[in-house]
Amino acid sequence: MIEFEGIVELGGLYRGNEATMRSSRPWLVDQSAVRPYDGLQNGDIPCFSDHPDWSHWEIGNTPKEADFRLRWISLRTPTSRLLIADRVLLVYVSWQDLADAGFVAGKQITIDNDNFTCRLMDGGNDFAFVEDGYGGAITNENEWDQLVCNEAGIAGLPTPTDADVARLITDSVREGRHNQLWNWVGANSWLTRPYAQRETARCCRGFASAKYLYLNTFDHRHEDIGWRPVLEQKFT
């Protein structure tokens, strides 16, 4: 059984020695090539490509200023506590950038004297229907479907509505309960596993619907794909 423990404010995303403000428009920062829907202004997620070296970036201690604190959905499983970022924290960061830093499989970090394994979510590795992202993943036995889409039936977490999984995004979808918690509109999240059918492709979820599955090349940086970390604490 998985228990929803609420929203936790913990840590900050630091560029250099300065905390970055939590994004208030947590979707793609440039819509010249692709956009979720007409009329949406550009997002304001920080860009890894501005300083494309991990020596410039870290998740560190909780800032004093509320607007700079990261927010996490806290879930308690039988074996661990999971803190899942409620939005993408960095765009223009490739899957390979994250792997090089250890954030795909998991890297040990410390926030406010507590230790965590910082990693990506699992969200499946193939399409349910051939190259139709709206169908989601071939199996829902993954964290994105079980937790974000609440296939696990976790009390207190929203389940996507029909509008959240439809082929059309509107303001009402972006402003709806599910997206207001998970902030998936206009922002793909890199996942742990490679695409099953192509060695160079990596999977993402989000952007076009709550269940949407998308692919991109492992070493490319894009305005619409980014880093949504999970902090995990195993129970001893």
Protein backbone atom coordinates (compact mmCIF):
# COMPACT_ATOMS: atom_id res chain seq x y z
CA MET A 1 0.00 0.00 0.00
CA ILE A 2 1.18 3.51 -0.85
CA GLU A 3 0.24 6.50 1.29
CA PHE A 4 0.14 10.12 0.08
CA GLU A 5 1.74 12.25 2.79
CA GLY A 6 1.17 15.66 1.23
CA ILE A 7 3.30 18.35 -0.38
CA VAL A 8 6.74 18.94 1.11
CA GLU A 9 8.87 22.05 0.62
CA LEU A 10 12.47 20.91 0.74
CA GLY A 11 15.73 22.05 -0.77
CA GLY A 12 16.43 24.43 -3.59
CA LEU A 13 17.92 24.27 -7.07
CA TYR A 14 21.20 26.17 -6.95
CA ARG A 15 23.04 27.69 -9.89
CA GLY A 16 26.48 28.48 -8.60
CA ASN A 17 25.95 29.50 -5.01
CA GLU A 18 22.57 31.13 -5.59
CA ALA A 19 19.18 29.47 -5.31
CA THR A 20 16.97 29.79 -8.38
CA MET A 21 13.36 30.85 -8.01
CA ARG A 22 10.83 28.02 -8.33
CA SER A 23 9.29 28.26 -11.80
CA SER A 24 5.86 29.88 -11.88
CA ARG A 25 5.29 28.82 -15.51
CA PRO A 26 6.62 25.25 -15.42
CA TRP A 27 6.50 24.40 -19.11
CA LEU A 28 8.70 24.75 -22.19
CA VAL A 29 10.62 27.99 -22.43
CA ASP A 30 10.53 28.39 -26.24
CA GLN A 31 7.45 27.61 -28.34
CA SER A 32 8.86 28.47 -31.74
CA ALA A 33 9.04 24.79 -32.75
CA VAL A 34 6.28 23.15 -30.67
CA ARG A 35 3.58 24.38 -28.31
CA PRO A 36 0.98 22.70 -26.12
CA TYR A 37 -1.77 25.03 -27.35
CA ASP A 38 -2.15 28.53 -28.80
CA GLY A 39 -2.08 31.49 -26.47
CA LEU A 40 0.22 30.00 -23.82
CA GLN A 41 3.16 32.25 -22.96
CA ASN A 42 6.66 30.78 -22.71
CA GLY A 43 7.61 29.00 -19.52
CA ASP A 44 10.31 30.01 -17.06
CA ILE A 45 12.03 26.75 -16.11
CA PRO A 46 15.81 27.23 -15.64
CA CYS A 47 17.96 26.04 -18.56
CA PHE A 48 20.90 23.71 -18.00
CA SER A 49 22.37 24.87 -21.32
CA ASP A 50 23.00 28.33 -19.81
CA HIS A 51 25.76 26.68 -17.73
CA PRO A 52 26.14 23.16 -19.22
CA ASP A 53 28.35 21.72 -16.51
CA TRP A 54 27.15 20.06 -13.30
CA SER A 55 29.70 22.00 -11.27
CA HIS A 56 27.28 24.93 -11.68
CA TRP A 57 24.12 23.08 -10.55
CA GLU A 58 22.98 21.21 -7.47
CA ILE A 59 19.99 20.50 -5.28
CA GLY A 60 21.01 21.92 -1.92
CA ASN A 61 19.66 23.01 1.45
CA THR A 62 16.24 24.60 1.80
CA PRO A 63 16.33 28.36 1.09
CA LYS A 64 14.81 30.78 3.61
CA GLU A 65 12.71 32.44 0.91
CA ALA A 66 9.51 30.46 0.21
CA ASP A 67 9.51 31.20 -3.55
CA PHE A 68 12.90 29.50 -3.91
CA ARG A 69 11.98 26.22 -2.20
CA LEU A 70 11.38 23.07 -4.23
CA ARG A 71 8.08 21.25 -3.83
CA TRP A 72 7.73 17.48 -3.71
CA ILE A 73 4.84 15.02 -3.65
CA SER A 74 5.60 12.80 -0.67
CA LEU A 75 4.63 9.12 -0.89
CA ARG A 76 5.28 6.39 1.65
CA THR A 77 5.66 2.86 0.29
CA PRO A 78 6.22 -0.29 2.36
CA THR A 79 9.99 0.01 1.79
CA SER A 80 10.76 3.69 1.25
CA ARG A 81 9.65 7.29 1.18
CA LEU A 82 9.53 8.88 -2.28
CA LEU A 83 9.63 12.61 -2.83
CA ILE A 84 8.74 13.33 -6.47
CA ALA A 85 9.34 16.84 -7.81
CA ASP A 86 6.02 18.48 -8.58
CA ARG A 87 7.44 20.02 -11.77
CA VAL A 88 10.38 19.79 -14.16
CA LEU A 89 13.35 21.60 -12.58
CA LEU A 90 15.65 22.03 -15.61
CA VAL A 91 15.14 22.02 -19.37
CA TYR A 92 17.71 21.96 -22.16
CA VAL A 93 19.30 19.06 -20.28
CA SER A 94 19.81 15.76 -22.07
CA TRP A 95 19.28 12.26 -20.72
CA GLN A 96 23.02 11.77 -21.14
CA ASP A 97 23.74 14.89 -19.09
CA LEU A 98 21.67 13.37 -16.27
CA ALA A 99 23.32 9.96 -16.67
CA ASP A 100 26.80 11.50 -16.57
CA ALA A 101 25.92 13.16 -13.26
CA GLY A 102 24.49 9.92 -11.82
CA PHE A 103 20.90 11.18 -11.72
CA VAL A 104 19.42 8.48 -13.96
CA ALA A 105 20.16 5.40 -11.86
CA GLY A 106 20.61 7.35 -8.63
CA LYS A 107 23.12 9.58 -6.86
CA GLN A 108 23.46 10.20 -3.15
CA ILE A 109 22.75 13.79 -2.12
CA THR A 110 22.25 15.56 1.21
CA ILE A 111 19.60 18.20 1.94
CA ASP A 112 19.28 19.75 5.39
CA ASN A 113 21.42 16.92 6.84
CA ASP A 114 19.12 14.21 5.44
CA ASN A 115 20.47 11.76 2.85
CA PHE A 116 18.58 10.81 -0.30
CA THR A 117 19.09 8.86 -3.50
CA CYS A 118 18.28 11.30 -6.31
CA ARG A 119 17.10 9.53 -9.49
CA LEU A 120 14.62 9.61 -12.36
CA MET A 121 11.22 7.97 -12.45
CA ASP A 122 10.46 4.80 -14.37
CA GLY A 123 7.72 5.42 -16.90
CA GLY A 124 7.84 2.40 -19.20
CA ASN A 125 9.91 1.73 -22.29
CA ASP A 126 7.51 1.17 -25.21
CA PHE A 127 4.21 2.36 -26.67
CA ALA A 128 0.91 0.68 -25.90
CA PHE A 129 -0.01 1.37 -29.54
CA VAL A 130 2.68 1.66 -32.19
CA GLU A 131 4.20 5.14 -31.95
CA ASP A 132 0.97 6.67 -30.65
CA GLY A 133 2.05 8.51 -27.53
CA TYR A 134 -1.51 9.23 -26.42
CA GLY A 135 -1.99 5.54 -25.70
CA GLY A 136 0.67 5.71 -23.02
CA ALA A 137 3.07 2.91 -22.11
CA ILE A 138 2.65 -0.73 -23.05
CA THR A 139 2.19 -1.63 -19.39
CA ASN A 140 1.14 0.50 -16.44
CA GLU A 141 3.54 -1.30 -14.10
CA ASN A 142 5.77 1.74 -13.79
CA GLU A 143 6.02 4.75 -11.49
CA TRP A 144 4.55 7.31 -13.88
CA ASP A 145 1.35 5.35 -14.39
CA GLN A 146 1.08 4.02 -10.85
CA LEU A 147 1.89 7.30 -9.08
CA VAL A 148 1.45 10.30 -11.40
CA CYS A 149 -1.60 8.80 -13.15
CA ASN A 150 -2.65 7.11 -9.89
CA GLU A 151 -3.30 3.68 -11.31
CA ALA A 152 -2.40 2.51 -7.79
CA GLY A 153 -5.52 4.21 -6.42
CA ILE A 154 -3.66 6.23 -3.78
CA ALA A 155 -6.05 8.09 -1.47
CA GLY A 156 -5.68 11.86 -1.73
CA LEU A 157 -4.03 11.89 -5.17
CA PRO A 158 -6.04 12.95 -8.21
CA THR A 159 -6.67 10.59 -11.11
CA PRO A 160 -6.52 12.08 -14.62
CA THR A 161 -9.89 13.09 -16.06
CA ASP A 162 -10.94 12.29 -19.62
CA ALA A 163 -9.78 15.79 -20.58
CA ASP A 164 -6.34 15.15 -19.04
CA VAL A 165 -5.75 12.18 -21.38
CA ALA A 166 -7.44 13.61 -24.49
CA ARG A 167 -5.67 14.77 -27.65
CA LEU A 168 -6.33 18.46 -26.99
CA ILE A 169 -4.94 20.64 -24.21
CA THR A 170 -6.79 23.74 -23.07
CA ASP A 171 -6.46 26.29 -20.28
CA SER A 172 -8.96 24.27 -18.25
CA VAL A 173 -6.70 21.19 -18.45
CA ARG A 174 -3.65 23.22 -17.41
CA GLU A 175 -5.61 24.76 -14.55
CA GLY A 176 -7.22 21.47 -13.52
CA ARG A 177 -6.48 19.59 -10.32
CA HIS A 178 -4.27 16.92 -11.84
CA ASN A 179 -1.95 19.26 -13.72
CA GLN A 180 -1.85 21.77 -10.87
CA LEU A 181 -0.35 19.03 -8.72
CA TRP A 182 1.99 17.40 -11.27
CA ASN A 183 2.64 20.19 -13.83
CA TRP A 184 2.95 17.93 -16.87
CA VAL A 185 1.36 20.30 -19.43
CA GLY A 186 4.05 21.47 -21.84
CA ALA A 187 6.89 19.67 -20.07
CA ASN A 188 8.21 16.20 -20.83
CA SER A 189 10.05 14.39 -18.03
CA TRP A 190 13.04 12.16 -18.83
CA LEU A 191 12.69 8.55 -17.59
CA THR A 192 15.15 5.89 -16.53
CA ARG A 193 14.83 3.27 -19.26
CA PRO A 194 15.81 3.45 -22.94
CA TYR A 195 13.16 2.90 -25.60
CA ALA A 196 12.82 -0.83 -26.24
CA GLN A 197 12.90 -0.52 -30.03
CA ARG A 198 15.79 1.88 -30.63
CA GLU A 199 19.14 2.00 -28.86
CA THR A 200 19.64 5.76 -29.16
CA ALA A 201 16.13 6.77 -28.03
CA ARG A 202 15.04 7.56 -24.49
CA CYS A 203 11.49 7.78 -23.17
CA CYS A 204 9.70 10.77 -21.66
CA ARG A 205 6.21 11.29 -20.23
CA GLY A 206 3.92 14.30 -20.15
CA PHE A 207 3.66 17.45 -22.28
CA ALA A 208 0.64 16.55 -24.45
CA SER A 209 -1.45 14.56 -21.97
CA ALA A 210 -1.11 13.04 -18.52
CA LYS A 211 -0.37 9.61 -20.02
CA TYR A 212 1.57 10.74 -23.09
CA LEU A 213 4.72 8.79 -23.99
CA TYR A 214 7.36 10.53 -26.09
CA LEU A 215 10.82 9.70 -27.43
CA ASN A 216 13.95 11.68 -28.05
CA THR A 217 17.63 11.06 -28.64
CA PHE A 218 19.64 10.38 -25.49
CA ASP A 219 22.19 13.18 -26.00
CA HIS A 220 19.99 16.00 -27.31
CA ARG A 221 18.95 19.02 -25.25
CA HIS A 222 15.46 20.35 -25.81
CA GLU A 223 13.26 23.18 -24.60
CA ASP A 224 10.36 20.81 -23.89
CA ILE A 225 12.13 17.96 -22.05
CA GLY A 226 13.70 18.14 -18.65
CA TRP A 227 14.71 16.86 -15.26
CA ARG A 228 12.03 15.85 -12.77
CA PRO A 229 13.97 14.19 -9.94
CA VAL A 230 12.81 11.68 -7.35
CA LEU A 231 14.35 11.67 -3.87
CA GLU A 232 14.22 8.24 -2.28
CA GLN A 233 14.88 7.22 1.31
CA LYS A 234 14.93 3.47 1.94
CA PHE A 235 13.64 2.30 5.31
CA THR A 236 16.13 0.28 7.32
